[in-house]
Amino acid sequence: MKLGAITFVLMTIQEKFGRNVSRKRKRNKISQEEFARLSGVERSYISSIERGNRNVSISVAYKISQALEVSIDDLIQ
């Protein structure tokens, strides 16, 4: 949506969650492979989540938040 000189980018909750997972994982210097092992979530699924292509279940969100040592709320802000 464009209003004057300002462009608004609308981000879905899946995209926000994925972006935050990716940022926090990279900040902790954890590869996707290692993160998959820590979280118990397949690496290809992690990749898809980080691209914002997955609407994860609450149980997967919990596994990811525990592996990153953050709250689920931190991942959807």
C-alpha atoms as a PDB file:
ATOM      1  CA  MET A   1       0.000   0.000   0.000  1.00  0.00           C
ATOM      2  CA  LYS A   2       1.413   3.384  -0.948  1.00  0.00           C
ATOM      3  CA  LEU A   3       0.443   6.648   0.726  1.00  0.00           C
ATOM      4  CA  GLY A   4       2.296   9.650  -0.624  1.00  0.00           C
ATOM      5  CA  ALA A   5       6.025   9.174  -0.222  1.00  0.00           C
ATOM      6  CA  ILE A   6       5.583   6.533   2.493  1.00  0.00           C
ATOM      7  CA  THR A   7       5.355   2.858   1.588  1.00  0.00           C
ATOM      8  CA  PHE A   8       3.780   0.556   4.158  1.00  0.00           C
ATOM      9  CA  VAL A   9       4.845  -3.061   4.198  1.00  0.00           C
ATOM     10  CA  LEU A  10       2.346  -5.411   5.737  1.00  0.00           C
ATOM     11  CA  MET A  11       3.951  -8.448   7.310  1.00  0.00           C
ATOM     12  CA  THR A  12       2.010 -11.565   8.235  1.00  0.00           C
ATOM     13  CA  ILE A  13       2.399 -13.181  11.634  1.00  0.00           C
ATOM     14  CA  GLN A  14       4.184 -16.079   9.893  1.00  0.00           C
ATOM     15  CA  GLU A  15       6.681 -13.664   8.350  1.00  0.00           C
ATOM     16  CA  LYS A  16       7.270 -11.900  11.684  1.00  0.00           C
ATOM     17  CA  PHE A  17       7.744 -15.206  13.476  1.00  0.00           C
ATOM     18  CA  GLY A  18      10.129 -16.471  10.803  1.00  0.00           C
ATOM     19  CA  ARG A  19      12.140 -13.260  10.707  1.00  0.00           C
ATOM     20  CA  ASN A  20      12.524 -13.261  14.482  1.00  0.00           C
ATOM     21  CA  VAL A  21      13.496 -16.946  14.615  1.00  0.00           C
ATOM     22  CA  SER A  22      16.150 -16.334  11.960  1.00  0.00           C
ATOM     23  CA  ARG A  23      17.510 -13.209  13.677  1.00  0.00           C
ATOM     24  CA  LYS A  24      17.721 -14.816  17.098  1.00  0.00           C
ATOM     25  CA  ARG A  25      19.250 -18.021  15.721  1.00  0.00           C
ATOM     26  CA  LYS A  26      21.885 -16.071  13.788  1.00  0.00           C
ATOM     27  CA  ARG A  27      22.561 -13.781  16.755  1.00  0.00           C
ATOM     28  CA  ASN A  28      23.370 -16.912  18.753  1.00  0.00           C
ATOM     29  CA  LYS A  29      25.603 -18.139  15.887  1.00  0.00           C
ATOM     30  CA  ILE A  30      23.626 -21.364  15.487  1.00  0.00           C
ATOM     31  CA  SER A  31      23.412 -23.045  12.075  1.00  0.00           C
ATOM     32  CA  GLN A  32      20.059 -24.302  10.844  1.00  0.00           C
ATOM     33  CA  GLU A  33      21.358 -27.854  11.190  1.00  0.00           C
ATOM     34  CA  GLU A  34      22.343 -27.347  14.824  1.00  0.00           C
ATOM     35  CA  PHE A  35      19.119 -25.473  15.521  1.00  0.00           C
ATOM     36  CA  ALA A  36      17.119 -28.354  14.056  1.00  0.00           C
ATOM     37  CA  ARG A  37      18.900 -30.730  16.435  1.00  0.00           C
ATOM     38  CA  LEU A  38      18.351 -28.443  19.438  1.00  0.00           C
ATOM     39  CA  SER A  39      14.675 -27.819  18.704  1.00  0.00           C
ATOM     40  CA  GLY A  40      13.686 -31.244  17.391  1.00  0.00           C
ATOM     41  CA  VAL A  41      12.290 -29.630  14.230  1.00  0.00           C
ATOM     42  CA  GLU A  42      13.478 -30.738  10.771  1.00  0.00           C
ATOM     43  CA  ARG A  43      16.047 -28.414   9.138  1.00  0.00           C
ATOM     44  CA  SER A  44      13.984 -28.019   5.966  1.00  0.00           C
ATOM     45  CA  TYR A  45      10.973 -27.028   8.107  1.00  0.00           C
ATOM     46  CA  ILE A  46      13.134 -24.483   9.989  1.00  0.00           C
ATOM     47  CA  SER A  47      14.191 -23.012   6.651  1.00  0.00           C
ATOM     48  CA  SER A  48      10.579 -22.744   5.519  1.00  0.00           C
ATOM     49  CA  ILE A  49       9.571 -21.146   8.846  1.00  0.00           C
ATOM     50  CA  GLU A  50      12.357 -18.565   8.574  1.00  0.00           C
ATOM     51  CA  ARG A  51      11.157 -17.620   5.080  1.00  0.00           C
ATOM     52  CA  GLY A  52       7.665 -17.028   6.499  1.00  0.00           C
ATOM     53  CA  ASN A  53       6.151 -19.892   4.505  1.00  0.00           C
ATOM     54  CA  ARG A  54       4.789 -21.917   7.432  1.00  0.00           C
ATOM     55  CA  ASN A  55       1.962 -21.397   9.870  1.00  0.00           C
ATOM     56  CA  VAL A  56       3.473 -23.340  12.769  1.00  0.00           C
ATOM     57  CA  SER A  57       1.551 -25.117  15.506  1.00  0.00           C
ATOM     58  CA  ILE A  58       1.817 -23.954  19.084  1.00  0.00           C
ATOM     59  CA  SER A  59       3.874 -27.058  19.914  1.00  0.00           C
ATOM     60  CA  VAL A  60       6.453 -26.257  17.201  1.00  0.00           C
ATOM     61  CA  ALA A  61       6.527 -22.599  18.298  1.00  0.00           C
ATOM     62  CA  TYR A  62       7.172 -23.807  21.855  1.00  0.00           C
ATOM     63  CA  LYS A  63      10.033 -26.115  20.766  1.00  0.00           C
ATOM     64  CA  ILE A  64      11.619 -23.265  18.833  1.00  0.00           C
ATOM     65  CA  SER A  65      11.242 -20.776  21.683  1.00  0.00           C
ATOM     66  CA  GLN A  66      12.777 -23.251  24.136  1.00  0.00           C
ATOM     67  CA  ALA A  67      15.745 -23.906  21.833  1.00  0.00           C
ATOM     68  CA  LEU A  68      16.315 -20.133  21.512  1.00  0.00           C
ATOM     69  CA  GLU A  69      15.679 -19.579  25.250  1.00  0.00           C
ATOM     70  CA  VAL A  70      13.069 -16.883  24.583  1.00  0.00           C
ATOM     71  CA  SER A  71       9.301 -16.679  25.003  1.00  0.00           C
ATOM     72  CA  ILE A  72       6.929 -17.309  22.119  1.00  0.00           C
ATOM     73  CA  ASP A  73       5.810 -13.704  22.603  1.00  0.00           C
ATOM     74  CA  ASP A  74       9.366 -12.559  21.792  1.00  0.00           C
ATOM     75  CA  LEU A  75       9.115 -14.360  18.461  1.00  0.00           C
ATOM     76  CA  ILE A  76       5.837 -12.767  17.332  1.00  0.00           C
ATOM     77  CA  GLN A  77       6.558  -9.157  18.289  1.00  0.00           C
END
